[in-house]
Amino acid sequence: QVQLVESGGGLVQAGGSLRLSCAASGFTFSWWRMGWYRQALGKERELVADINSNSDIMNYAAFVRGRFTISRDNSENMLYLQMNNLLPEDTAVYYCRADLREPFWGRGTQVTVSS
C-alpha cells in the first residue's frame, strides 16, 4: 500500500539548518508531483513547496523562498526539503504529500526552532 514516511525533524536554533526526507513506497514515485506542507499549532496546514515529477518545476511559498530547497530522487523514491536559516516561525509539523489521484499524506515530522 502507499506509504510516505518523513524523517529529519528536530530541535534547532534560529539560523540553523535541517534536511527533511520523505521515503515513498507503494506507488510509482516518478509519475507524481510531490510536496511539503506544514501545520503550526492552532493554524491551518499550508504549502511549503512542491515539485513536479521530473524536477523541472518547483513552487515555493513566499515565506520560505530563498531559504528552503525542495528536491527529489526518483531512483530512490525519496523527497527532500533542505531548510536553511530557520526562524522560530518555521516551527510546525512538516508533512510530505503525494499528489496521486487523491492526495496522500505522511504522518509528519516535528520541526522546532528556538529563538
Protein backbone atom coordinates (compact mmCIF):
# COMPACT_ATOMS: atom_id res chain seq x y z
CA GLN A 1 0.00 0.00 0.00
CA VAL A 2 1.01 3.64 -0.35
CA GLN A 3 3.34 4.85 2.38
CA LEU A 4 5.09 8.16 3.00
CA VAL A 5 7.48 8.30 5.93
CA GLU A 6 9.02 11.60 6.92
CA SER A 7 12.22 11.97 8.91
CA GLY A 8 14.83 14.57 9.77
CA GLY A 9 12.86 16.87 12.02
CA GLY A 10 14.10 18.03 15.39
CA LEU A 11 15.04 20.97 17.56
CA VAL A 12 17.35 23.60 16.10
CA GLN A 13 18.35 27.13 16.99
CA ALA A 14 17.28 30.06 14.86
CA GLY A 15 19.62 30.41 11.90
CA GLY A 16 20.29 26.69 11.79
CA SER A 17 19.53 24.10 9.15
CA LEU A 18 17.67 20.83 8.85
CA ARG A 19 17.13 18.41 5.99
CA LEU A 20 13.82 16.61 5.88
CA SER A 21 13.40 13.36 4.00
CA CYS A 22 10.31 11.52 2.82
CA ALA A 23 10.58 7.86 1.85
CA ALA A 24 7.84 6.82 -0.56
CA SER A 25 6.62 3.33 -1.38
CA GLY A 26 3.60 1.55 -2.83
CA PHE A 27 3.25 3.68 -5.95
CA THR A 28 5.26 4.76 -8.99
CA PHE A 29 7.01 7.69 -7.35
CA SER A 30 8.44 9.14 -10.56
CA TRP A 31 4.99 9.73 -12.05
CA TRP A 32 3.64 12.12 -9.45
CA ARG A 33 4.03 15.64 -8.14
CA MET A 34 5.19 15.71 -4.54
CA GLY A 35 5.03 18.41 -1.91
CA TRP A 36 5.95 19.52 1.58
CA TYR A 37 3.33 21.14 3.77
CA ARG A 38 3.41 22.33 7.34
CA GLN A 39 0.98 22.93 10.14
CA ALA A 40 1.79 25.07 13.14
CA LEU A 41 -0.14 24.72 16.38
CA GLY A 42 -3.54 26.34 16.02
CA LYS A 43 -3.08 27.10 12.34
CA GLU A 44 -4.18 25.54 9.09
CA ARG A 45 -1.93 23.30 7.06
CA GLU A 46 -0.11 25.26 4.35
CA LEU A 47 2.01 24.54 1.32
CA VAL A 48 5.75 24.95 1.80
CA ALA A 49 6.98 23.74 -1.58
CA ASP A 50 6.13 21.28 -4.30
CA ILE A 51 7.96 19.70 -7.21
CA ASN A 52 6.76 18.06 -10.38
CA SER A 53 7.59 14.54 -11.44
CA ASN A 54 10.82 15.28 -13.30
CA SER A 55 12.05 18.13 -11.07
CA ASP A 56 11.87 20.90 -13.63
CA ILE A 57 9.12 22.87 -11.88
CA MET A 58 9.30 23.80 -8.22
CA ASN A 59 6.96 26.12 -6.37
CA TYR A 60 7.69 27.75 -3.05
CA ALA A 61 5.62 29.63 -0.55
CA ALA A 62 6.75 33.23 -0.30
CA PHE A 63 7.74 32.78 3.33
CA VAL A 64 10.41 30.16 2.50
CA ARG A 65 11.68 31.29 -0.87
CA GLY A 66 15.44 31.62 -0.81
CA ARG A 67 15.79 29.62 2.43
CA PHE A 68 14.32 26.20 1.60
CA THR A 69 15.02 23.92 -1.35
CA ILE A 70 12.84 21.01 -2.42
CA SER A 71 14.33 18.12 -4.36
CA ARG A 72 13.63 14.51 -5.22
CA ASP A 73 15.49 11.39 -6.20
CA ASN A 74 13.26 9.28 -8.41
CA SER A 75 15.78 6.43 -8.43
CA GLU A 76 15.49 6.16 -4.63
CA ASN A 77 11.82 7.17 -4.24
CA MET A 78 12.86 10.00 -1.95
CA LEU A 79 11.68 13.56 -1.46
CA TYR A 80 13.78 16.13 0.40
CA LEU A 81 13.46 19.57 1.90
CA GLN A 82 16.66 21.42 2.74
CA MET A 83 15.83 24.15 5.24
CA ASN A 84 18.39 26.86 5.92
CA ASN A 85 18.28 30.00 8.05
CA LEU A 86 15.42 28.60 10.07
CA LEU A 87 13.24 31.03 12.01
CA PRO A 88 11.10 30.44 15.11
CA GLU A 89 8.02 30.90 12.94
CA ASP A 90 9.06 27.84 10.93
CA THR A 91 8.14 25.71 13.94
CA ALA A 92 5.50 23.24 12.78
CA VAL A 93 4.80 19.66 11.87
CA TYR A 94 6.04 19.12 8.33
CA TYR A 95 4.15 16.70 6.10
CA CYS A 96 5.04 15.01 2.84
CA ARG A 97 2.25 14.75 0.30
CA ALA A 98 1.89 12.73 -2.88
CA ASP A 99 -0.48 14.24 -5.42
CA LEU A 100 -1.92 10.93 -6.55
CA ARG A 101 -5.47 10.63 -7.92
CA GLU A 102 -6.31 11.64 -4.39
CA PRO A 103 -3.70 13.37 -2.21
CA PHE A 104 -1.90 11.06 0.19
CA TRP A 105 -0.20 12.33 3.32
CA GLY A 106 2.58 11.13 5.54
CA ARG A 107 2.30 11.34 9.32
CA GLY A 108 4.62 14.29 9.64
CA THR A 109 7.82 15.22 11.42
CA GLN A 110 8.11 17.92 14.07
CA VAL A 111 10.43 20.87 13.46
CA THR A 112 11.04 23.18 16.38
CA VAL A 113 13.13 26.32 16.01
CA SER A 114 14.22 28.05 19.20
CA SER A 115 15.00 31.75 19.35
